[in-house]
Amino acid sequence: MTETSTDTAAGPVAERAPWPAGRYGRRREQRPASRSTVLVLAVLTVLAMTFIGARLYRAYGDGDYTASVTAFDEVTDTQVAVTFLVRMPADGTAVCLVRARDSTGTEVGLAEVTVRPGPDPERTMVTHRLVTTGRPVTGEVKGCHPA
């Protein structure tokens, strides 16, 4: 029986490239990313995240003006009474968007309600009678913002 050696002048087969040496030119060395490239990418990422965070805070983050519905009653085919609690600064005035929807989810009433702070601005209770174009099944406050 003849034995075939796997060693050659270039070393064992496992250490050699899978292609013939010199046939495809010199193989380029893979360079690791330079520190300046990594630093620039990190700074750009931080700037992008800061920009996105600021935009989202402006859109959703102002917690000084908030509202929560405590009740909706007196439901008829043409109206609903929405009672909600508004939290705002003592010197502020809020504008709240109140809406009603029917059983299919279609908006049947919408109004902007101006709310002035009560004795306790953190807990100003408001009841608004919203006129609707159909029978509502819910009354909601979409949100409040400074007047």
Protein backbone atom coordinates (compact mmCIF):
# COMPACT_ATOMS: atom_id res chain seq x y z
CA MET A 1 0.00 0.00 0.00
CA THR A 2 1.29 3.46 -0.86
CA GLU A 3 1.02 6.40 1.41
CA THR A 4 0.47 9.90 0.12
CA SER A 5 1.97 12.66 2.17
CA THR A 6 -0.07 15.76 2.87
CA ASP A 7 2.99 17.82 3.63
CA THR A 8 4.62 19.89 0.93
CA ALA A 9 7.19 22.60 0.89
CA ALA A 10 4.47 25.15 1.69
CA GLY A 11 3.24 23.19 4.71
CA PRO A 12 0.23 20.98 5.40
CA VAL A 13 -2.83 21.28 3.17
CA ALA A 14 -4.89 22.83 5.96
CA GLU A 15 -2.53 25.80 6.15
CA ARG A 16 -2.46 26.53 2.42
CA ALA A 17 -4.95 28.70 0.58
CA PRO A 18 -7.70 26.82 -1.27
CA TRP A 19 -6.39 28.16 -4.60
CA PRO A 20 -3.03 27.76 -6.30
CA ALA A 21 -0.46 30.25 -5.09
CA GLY A 22 0.19 33.15 -7.46
CA ARG A 23 -2.69 32.34 -9.77
CA TYR A 24 -5.08 35.10 -8.64
CA GLY A 25 -2.61 37.72 -7.56
CA ARG A 26 -1.61 38.76 -4.10
CA ARG A 27 -4.33 38.54 -1.47
CA ARG A 28 -5.06 41.81 0.31
CA GLU A 29 -4.73 41.94 4.04
CA GLN A 30 -7.92 42.74 5.92
CA ARG A 31 -7.34 45.87 7.91
CA PRO A 32 -9.23 46.44 11.10
CA ALA A 33 -11.30 49.64 11.19
CA SER A 34 -9.17 52.51 12.32
CA ARG A 35 -9.92 54.19 15.63
CA SER A 36 -10.86 57.44 13.93
CA THR A 37 -13.47 55.67 11.78
CA VAL A 38 -14.98 54.01 14.84
CA LEU A 39 -14.96 57.32 16.71
CA VAL A 40 -16.66 59.17 13.84
CA LEU A 41 -19.35 56.47 13.58
CA ALA A 42 -19.94 56.59 17.34
CA VAL A 43 -20.29 60.39 17.32
CA LEU A 44 -22.70 60.26 14.36
CA THR A 45 -24.78 57.61 16.13
CA VAL A 46 -24.98 59.69 19.31
CA LEU A 47 -25.98 62.79 17.33
CA ALA A 48 -28.67 60.88 15.43
CA MET A 49 -30.10 59.39 18.63
CA THR A 50 -30.11 62.81 20.31
CA PHE A 51 -31.95 64.33 17.35
CA ILE A 52 -34.53 61.53 17.30
CA GLY A 53 -35.01 61.75 21.07
CA ALA A 54 -35.55 65.51 20.95
CA ARG A 55 -38.14 65.16 18.17
CA LEU A 56 -40.02 62.47 20.09
CA TYR A 57 -39.93 64.49 23.31
CA ARG A 58 -41.38 67.52 21.52
CA ALA A 59 -44.14 65.37 20.06
CA TYR A 60 -45.03 63.22 23.08
CA GLY A 61 -42.96 64.14 26.10
CA ASP A 62 -44.35 67.34 27.54
CA GLY A 63 -45.88 65.93 30.70
CA ASP A 64 -47.04 69.31 32.01
CA TYR A 65 -50.37 69.02 30.17
CA THR A 66 -52.10 65.67 30.51
CA ALA A 67 -55.71 64.53 30.61
CA SER A 68 -57.52 61.37 31.55
CA VAL A 69 -61.19 60.59 31.02
CA THR A 70 -63.03 59.82 34.24
CA ALA A 71 -66.50 59.33 32.74
CA PHE A 72 -68.61 59.63 29.63
CA ASP A 73 -72.35 59.60 30.11
CA GLU A 74 -75.61 61.21 29.00
CA VAL A 75 -75.20 59.38 25.70
CA THR A 76 -77.89 60.15 23.10
CA ASP A 77 -78.01 59.97 19.31
CA THR A 78 -76.63 63.53 19.11
CA GLN A 79 -74.35 64.03 22.12
CA VAL A 80 -72.17 62.65 24.88
CA ALA A 81 -70.96 64.30 28.09
CA VAL A 82 -67.24 63.67 28.61
CA THR A 83 -65.78 64.29 32.06
CA PHE A 84 -62.00 64.43 32.27
CA LEU A 85 -59.24 65.40 34.66
CA VAL A 86 -56.59 67.82 33.38
CA ARG A 87 -53.13 68.28 34.89
CA MET A 88 -51.41 71.58 34.02
CA PRO A 89 -49.14 74.25 35.52
CA ALA A 90 -50.77 76.77 37.87
CA ASP A 91 -50.19 79.65 35.45
CA GLY A 92 -51.14 77.72 32.31
CA THR A 93 -54.22 77.28 30.18
CA ALA A 94 -54.77 74.05 28.25
CA VAL A 95 -56.48 73.22 24.99
CA CYS A 96 -57.76 69.65 24.92
CA LEU A 97 -59.04 67.73 21.91
CA VAL A 98 -62.19 65.81 22.84
CA ARG A 99 -63.74 63.29 20.48
CA ALA A 100 -66.48 60.68 20.32
CA ARG A 101 -66.58 57.49 18.25
CA ASP A 102 -69.42 55.20 17.25
CA SER A 103 -69.56 51.39 17.43
CA THR A 104 -67.57 51.02 14.18
CA GLY A 105 -64.78 53.28 15.46
CA THR A 106 -65.73 56.16 13.19
CA GLU A 107 -65.27 59.60 14.70
CA VAL A 108 -68.72 61.18 15.16
CA GLY A 109 -67.75 64.24 17.20
CA LEU A 110 -64.67 66.41 17.72
CA ALA A 111 -64.08 69.63 19.64
CA GLU A 112 -61.23 71.69 21.06
CA VAL A 113 -61.94 72.60 24.66
CA THR A 114 -60.08 75.43 26.41
CA VAL A 115 -59.43 74.61 30.06
CA ARG A 116 -58.45 77.21 32.64
CA PRO A 117 -56.80 75.97 35.85
CA GLY A 118 -59.07 75.44 38.84
CA PRO A 119 -58.17 75.81 42.51
CA ASP A 120 -55.85 72.81 42.16
CA PRO A 121 -54.28 72.96 38.67
CA GLU A 122 -52.95 69.43 39.13
CA ARG A 123 -56.55 68.20 39.31
CA THR A 124 -58.81 70.42 37.21
CA MET A 125 -62.03 68.51 36.49
CA VAL A 126 -63.90 69.40 33.29
CA THR A 127 -67.19 68.18 31.83
CA HIS A 128 -67.82 68.94 28.16
CA ARG A 129 -71.02 68.13 26.30
CA LEU A 130 -69.89 67.06 22.83
CA VAL A 131 -72.32 67.28 19.91
CA THR A 132 -72.15 64.24 17.63
CA THR A 133 -73.38 63.26 14.17
CA GLY A 134 -74.32 59.72 15.27
CA ARG A 135 -74.78 57.67 18.42
CA PRO A 136 -71.43 57.53 20.25
CA VAL A 137 -70.24 54.58 22.29
CA THR A 138 -67.20 56.33 23.75
CA GLY A 139 -65.89 59.76 24.64
CA GLU A 140 -62.14 60.38 24.62
CA VAL A 141 -59.55 63.08 25.14
CA LYS A 142 -56.88 62.73 22.44
CA GLY A 143 -54.51 65.06 24.25
CA CYS A 144 -53.90 68.48 25.74
CA HIS A 145 -51.33 71.16 24.99
CA PRO A 146 -50.60 74.72 26.13
CA ALA A 147 -53.06 77.30 24.83
